[in-house]
Amino acid sequence: MRALPLLALLPLLAACARAPSPILADEPLSPVQAACRDEARNAQSVDGFARQMNMNNVNNRDRVAHDMRVAELRSYRDCLRRNGLAAPGGVESPRPAQ
């Protein structure tokens, strides 16, 4: 019987919870950044990894998807560097959660 009053308070506590903060939109890309993004997505190294993709093998799919992201980011940063722009982000590239 003691749990009943506590269970009745749970909806009230849930109603007091704060809404999550809105996700901020990314800054729009400059024309050079957009061109580098397109170049990186079509890079030969990214295409080479895409050919290794086996959708029926989960381990292969995860590994190749990671390799494709790394190759695309590397191509993007190389393009920005060639055009005299600073790479986005901080000291270290974000890594996927494991």
Protein backbone atom coordinates (compact mmCIF):
# COMPACT_ATOMS: atom_id res chain seq x y z
CA MET A 1 0.00 0.00 0.00
CA ARG A 2 2.92 2.35 0.53
CA ALA A 3 3.91 2.16 -3.12
CA LEU A 4 0.53 3.37 -4.35
CA PRO A 5 0.98 7.03 -3.27
CA LEU A 6 4.49 7.01 -4.71
CA LEU A 7 3.24 5.66 -8.03
CA ALA A 8 0.62 8.41 -8.11
CA LEU A 9 3.39 11.03 -7.88
CA LEU A 10 5.30 9.73 -10.89
CA PRO A 11 3.07 11.41 -13.52
CA LEU A 12 3.42 14.71 -11.64
CA LEU A 13 7.20 14.42 -11.64
CA ALA A 14 7.21 13.56 -15.33
CA ALA A 15 5.10 16.64 -16.07
CA CYS A 16 7.73 18.81 -14.39
CA ALA A 17 10.56 17.48 -16.55
CA ARG A 18 12.19 19.93 -18.88
CA ALA A 19 11.93 19.53 -22.60
CA PRO A 20 15.22 18.70 -24.32
CA SER A 21 17.08 21.63 -25.78
CA PRO A 22 16.64 22.06 -29.54
CA ILE A 23 19.36 20.74 -31.81
CA LEU A 24 21.25 23.61 -33.38
CA ALA A 25 21.46 23.61 -37.14
CA ASP A 26 24.87 23.36 -38.74
CA GLU A 27 26.31 26.50 -40.24
CA PRO A 28 25.67 26.73 -43.98
CA LEU A 29 28.60 25.66 -46.14
CA SER A 30 30.50 28.19 -48.21
CA PRO A 31 30.68 27.50 -51.95
CA VAL A 32 34.24 26.13 -51.59
CA GLN A 33 33.21 23.90 -48.68
CA ALA A 34 30.22 22.60 -50.65
CA ALA A 35 32.46 21.84 -53.64
CA CYS A 36 34.92 20.03 -51.36
CA ARG A 37 32.07 18.05 -49.79
CA ASP A 38 30.91 16.91 -53.25
CA GLU A 39 34.48 16.07 -54.24
CA ALA A 40 34.97 14.05 -51.06
CA ARG A 41 31.75 12.08 -51.55
CA ASN A 42 32.87 11.14 -55.05
CA ALA A 43 36.50 10.44 -54.13
CA GLN A 44 38.14 7.36 -55.55
CA SER A 45 39.12 6.09 -52.09
CA VAL A 46 35.49 6.27 -50.89
CA ASP A 47 34.33 4.45 -54.02
CA GLY A 48 36.96 1.77 -53.48
CA PHE A 49 35.63 1.03 -50.00
CA ALA A 50 32.03 1.06 -51.26
CA ARG A 51 32.91 -1.78 -53.63
CA GLN A 52 33.96 -3.89 -50.64
CA MET A 53 30.53 -3.54 -48.98
CA ASN A 54 28.70 -6.79 -48.29
CA MET A 55 25.23 -5.94 -46.99
CA ASN A 56 24.66 -9.54 -45.81
CA ASN A 57 27.62 -9.43 -43.42
CA VAL A 58 27.10 -7.08 -40.46
CA ASN A 59 30.77 -6.97 -39.45
CA ASN A 60 31.86 -6.17 -43.00
CA ARG A 61 29.15 -3.55 -43.40
CA ASP A 62 30.13 -1.75 -40.18
CA ARG A 63 33.85 -1.87 -40.96
CA VAL A 64 33.45 -0.66 -44.53
CA ALA A 65 31.01 2.10 -43.50
CA HIS A 66 33.57 3.34 -40.97
CA ASP A 67 36.37 3.18 -43.55
CA MET A 68 34.21 5.12 -46.02
CA ARG A 69 33.52 7.86 -43.44
CA VAL A 70 37.24 8.14 -42.64
CA ALA A 71 38.19 8.27 -46.34
CA GLU A 72 35.50 10.88 -47.06
CA LEU A 73 36.61 13.06 -44.15
CA ARG A 74 40.25 12.76 -45.20
CA SER A 75 39.38 13.75 -48.79
CA TYR A 76 37.27 16.66 -47.53
CA ARG A 77 40.05 17.99 -45.31
CA ASP A 78 42.63 17.56 -48.08
CA CYS A 79 40.43 19.58 -50.45
CA LEU A 80 39.95 22.33 -47.87
CA ARG A 81 43.70 22.46 -47.28
CA ARG A 82 44.38 22.72 -51.04
CA ASN A 83 41.97 25.68 -51.17
CA GLY A 84 43.52 27.43 -48.16
CA LEU A 85 40.65 26.87 -45.73
CA ALA A 86 40.83 25.62 -42.17
CA ALA A 87 39.31 22.24 -41.42
CA PRO A 88 36.22 22.25 -39.21
CA GLY A 89 36.24 20.79 -35.71
CA GLY A 90 38.71 20.81 -32.93
CA VAL A 91 41.94 19.07 -32.16
CA GLU A 92 40.72 15.55 -32.90
CA SER A 93 38.15 14.26 -35.36
CA PRO A 94 34.97 12.90 -33.77
CA ARG A 95 34.88 9.11 -33.63
CA PRO A 96 31.79 6.94 -33.72
CA ALA A 97 30.63 5.58 -30.38
CA GLN A 98 31.54 1.96 -29.79
